[in-house]
């Protein structure tokens, strides 16, 4: 007599297999979690750039700006 595998078992195995593959790629592609010592960084690299002012190239006027 031939034994058949229940379709639910096949679906569960496929879901676990796909989940394992996705988890592998997510874990291998995650950035390192090394801590950065702020004392060794250049203070200029930590500063935010000055925002573009009205009239300068690249400035996009918002509808909430006063006229």
N, C-alpha and C. Protein backbone atom coordinates (compact mmCIF):
# COMPACT_ATOMS: atom_id res chain seq x y z
N UNK A 1 0.83 -1.17 0.00
CA UNK A 1 0.00 0.00 0.00
C UNK A 1 0.89 1.26 0.00
N UNK A 2 0.54 2.20 -0.84
CA UNK A 2 1.32 3.43 -0.98
C UNK A 2 0.84 4.46 0.04
N UNK A 3 1.78 5.05 0.80
CA UNK A 3 1.42 6.07 1.77
C UNK A 3 1.56 7.45 1.13
N UNK A 4 0.59 8.32 1.43
CA UNK A 4 0.62 9.68 0.89
C UNK A 4 0.94 10.66 2.01
N UNK A 5 1.59 11.75 1.65
CA UNK A 5 1.91 12.80 2.61
C UNK A 5 0.76 13.81 2.60
N UNK A 6 0.35 14.20 3.79
CA UNK A 6 -0.77 15.14 3.92
C UNK A 6 -0.37 16.50 3.32
N UNK A 7 -1.25 17.14 2.56
CA UNK A 7 -0.91 18.44 1.94
C UNK A 7 -0.56 19.52 2.96
N UNK A 8 -1.12 19.45 4.14
CA UNK A 8 -0.79 20.42 5.19
C UNK A 8 0.67 20.31 5.63
N UNK A 9 1.18 19.10 5.68
CA UNK A 9 2.58 18.88 6.04
C UNK A 9 3.49 19.45 4.96
N UNK A 10 3.13 19.24 3.71
CA UNK A 10 3.93 19.78 2.61
C UNK A 10 3.94 21.31 2.66
N UNK A 11 2.77 21.92 2.90
CA UNK A 11 2.68 23.38 2.98
C UNK A 11 3.50 23.91 4.15
N UNK A 12 3.46 23.25 5.30
CA UNK A 12 4.22 23.69 6.47
C UNK A 12 5.72 23.61 6.20
N UNK A 13 6.17 22.54 5.55
CA UNK A 13 7.59 22.39 5.24
C UNK A 13 8.03 23.48 4.27
N UNK A 14 7.22 23.78 3.27
CA UNK A 14 7.56 24.84 2.31
C UNK A 14 7.62 26.21 2.98
N UNK A 15 6.68 26.50 3.87
CA UNK A 15 6.67 27.78 4.58
C UNK A 15 7.92 27.90 5.46
N UNK A 16 8.27 26.85 6.16
CA UNK A 16 9.47 26.87 7.00
C UNK A 16 10.73 27.03 6.16
N UNK A 17 10.78 26.37 5.02
CA UNK A 17 11.94 26.46 4.14
C UNK A 17 12.10 27.88 3.59
N UNK A 18 11.01 28.46 3.10
CA UNK A 18 11.07 29.82 2.56
C UNK A 18 11.41 30.81 3.68
N UNK A 19 10.81 30.63 4.84
CA UNK A 19 11.12 31.51 5.98
C UNK A 19 12.59 31.41 6.39
N UNK A 20 13.14 30.22 6.35
CA UNK A 20 14.56 30.04 6.68
C UNK A 20 15.48 30.73 5.68
N UNK A 21 15.14 30.63 4.41
CA UNK A 21 15.95 31.29 3.37
C UNK A 21 15.88 32.80 3.53
N UNK A 22 14.68 33.34 3.76
CA UNK A 22 14.54 34.79 3.96
C UNK A 22 15.31 35.23 5.19
N UNK A 23 15.20 34.50 6.28
CA UNK A 23 15.92 34.85 7.52
C UNK A 23 17.43 34.82 7.30
N UNK A 24 17.91 33.86 6.53
CA UNK A 24 19.35 33.77 6.25
C UNK A 24 19.83 35.02 5.53
N UNK A 25 19.10 35.46 4.50
CA UNK A 25 19.52 36.63 3.74
C UNK A 25 19.40 37.91 4.56
N UNK A 26 18.39 38.01 5.40
CA UNK A 26 18.23 39.20 6.24
C UNK A 26 19.36 39.27 7.26
N UNK A 27 19.68 38.16 7.89
CA UNK A 27 20.72 38.16 8.92
C UNK A 27 22.10 38.37 8.31
N UNK A 28 22.35 37.84 7.13
CA UNK A 28 23.68 37.99 6.52
C UNK A 28 23.85 39.38 5.93
N UNK A 29 22.77 40.06 5.60
CA UNK A 29 22.88 41.39 4.99
C UNK A 29 22.77 42.52 5.98
N UNK A 30 22.58 42.23 7.26
CA UNK A 30 22.42 43.30 8.24
C UNK A 30 23.77 43.96 8.51
N UNK A 31 23.79 45.28 8.72
CA UNK A 31 25.04 45.98 8.98
C UNK A 31 25.62 45.59 10.34
N UNK A 32 26.89 45.85 10.50
CA UNK A 32 27.54 45.51 11.76
C UNK A 32 27.03 46.41 12.88
N UNK A 33 27.11 45.91 14.08
CA UNK A 33 26.61 46.66 15.23
C UNK A 33 27.75 47.17 16.10
N UNK A 34 28.87 47.49 15.47
CA UNK A 34 30.00 48.00 16.24
C UNK A 34 29.68 49.39 16.77
N UNK A 35 30.12 49.67 17.99
CA UNK A 35 29.90 50.99 18.56
C UNK A 35 30.95 51.95 18.02
N UNK A 36 30.54 53.20 17.84
CA UNK A 36 31.42 54.23 17.31
C UNK A 36 31.78 55.17 18.44
N UNK A 37 33.07 55.45 18.57
CA UNK A 37 33.53 56.39 19.58
C UNK A 37 33.44 57.79 18.98
N UNK A 38 32.57 58.63 19.53
CA UNK A 38 32.36 59.97 18.99
C UNK A 38 33.58 60.86 19.14
N UNK A 39 34.48 60.52 20.06
CA UNK A 39 35.68 61.34 20.26
C UNK A 39 36.66 61.20 19.10
N UNK A 40 36.58 60.08 18.38
CA UNK A 40 37.52 59.87 17.28
C UNK A 40 37.01 60.41 15.95
N UNK A 41 35.73 60.81 15.90
CA UNK A 41 35.16 61.33 14.65
C UNK A 41 35.49 62.80 14.47
N UNK A 42 35.52 63.22 13.21
CA UNK A 42 35.74 64.62 12.87
C UNK A 42 34.47 65.41 13.20
N UNK A 43 34.56 66.49 13.98
CA UNK A 43 33.37 67.26 14.32
C UNK A 43 32.63 67.81 13.09
N UNK A 44 33.37 68.09 12.01
CA UNK A 44 32.73 68.61 10.80
C UNK A 44 31.78 67.58 10.19
N UNK A 45 32.10 66.28 10.32
CA UNK A 45 31.25 65.25 9.73
C UNK A 45 29.95 65.07 10.52
N UNK A 46 29.90 65.57 11.75
CA UNK A 46 28.70 65.45 12.57
C UNK A 46 27.74 66.62 12.38
N UNK A 47 28.19 67.70 11.78
CA UNK A 47 27.35 68.89 11.62
C UNK A 47 26.36 68.70 10.48
N UNK A 48 25.17 69.27 10.65
CA UNK A 48 24.18 69.27 9.59
C UNK A 48 24.52 70.39 8.61
N UNK A 49 24.30 70.16 7.30
CA UNK A 49 24.56 71.23 6.34
C UNK A 49 23.53 72.35 6.49
N UNK A 50 23.94 73.56 6.11
CA UNK A 50 23.02 74.70 6.16
C UNK A 50 21.88 74.46 5.17
N UNK A 51 20.65 74.73 5.57
CA UNK A 51 19.55 74.55 4.63
C UNK A 51 19.59 75.61 3.53
N UNK A 52 19.03 75.25 2.38
CA UNK A 52 19.01 76.18 1.26
C UNK A 52 18.01 77.29 1.57
N UNK A 53 18.42 78.53 1.36
CA UNK A 53 17.57 79.69 1.64
C UNK A 53 16.78 80.08 0.40
N UNK A 54 15.75 80.86 0.62
CA UNK A 54 14.92 81.35 -0.47
C UNK A 54 15.77 82.13 -1.46
N UNK A 55 15.59 81.85 -2.74
CA UNK A 55 16.33 82.55 -3.79
C UNK A 55 17.58 81.81 -4.24
N UNK A 56 18.04 80.82 -3.47
CA UNK A 56 19.21 80.05 -3.87
C UNK A 56 18.79 78.93 -4.82
N UNK A 57 19.72 78.48 -5.68
CA UNK A 57 19.37 77.37 -6.58
C UNK A 57 19.03 76.12 -5.78
N UNK A 58 17.98 75.44 -6.19
CA UNK A 58 17.56 74.21 -5.52
C UNK A 58 16.53 74.42 -4.45
N UNK A 59 16.18 75.67 -4.15
CA UNK A 59 15.18 75.95 -3.13
C UNK A 59 13.80 75.69 -3.70
N UNK A 60 13.00 74.92 -2.99
CA UNK A 60 11.65 74.66 -3.43
C UNK A 60 10.71 75.33 -2.44
N UNK A 61 9.97 76.31 -2.90
CA UNK A 61 9.11 77.07 -2.01
C UNK A 61 7.90 76.23 -1.59
N UNK A 62 7.61 76.27 -0.31
CA UNK A 62 6.45 75.56 0.21
C UNK A 62 5.23 76.47 0.11
N UNK A 63 4.07 75.86 0.14
CA UNK A 63 2.84 76.66 0.08
C UNK A 63 2.58 77.37 1.40
N UNK A 64 3.28 76.96 2.48
CA UNK A 64 3.07 77.61 3.77
C UNK A 64 4.01 78.79 3.97
N UNK A 65 4.97 79.03 3.03
CA UNK A 65 5.87 80.16 3.17
C UNK A 65 5.10 81.46 3.00
N UNK A 66 5.43 82.46 3.84
CA UNK A 66 4.75 83.75 3.67
C UNK A 66 5.18 84.42 2.37
N UNK A 67 4.31 85.21 1.80
CA UNK A 67 4.64 85.93 0.56
C UNK A 67 5.46 87.16 0.82
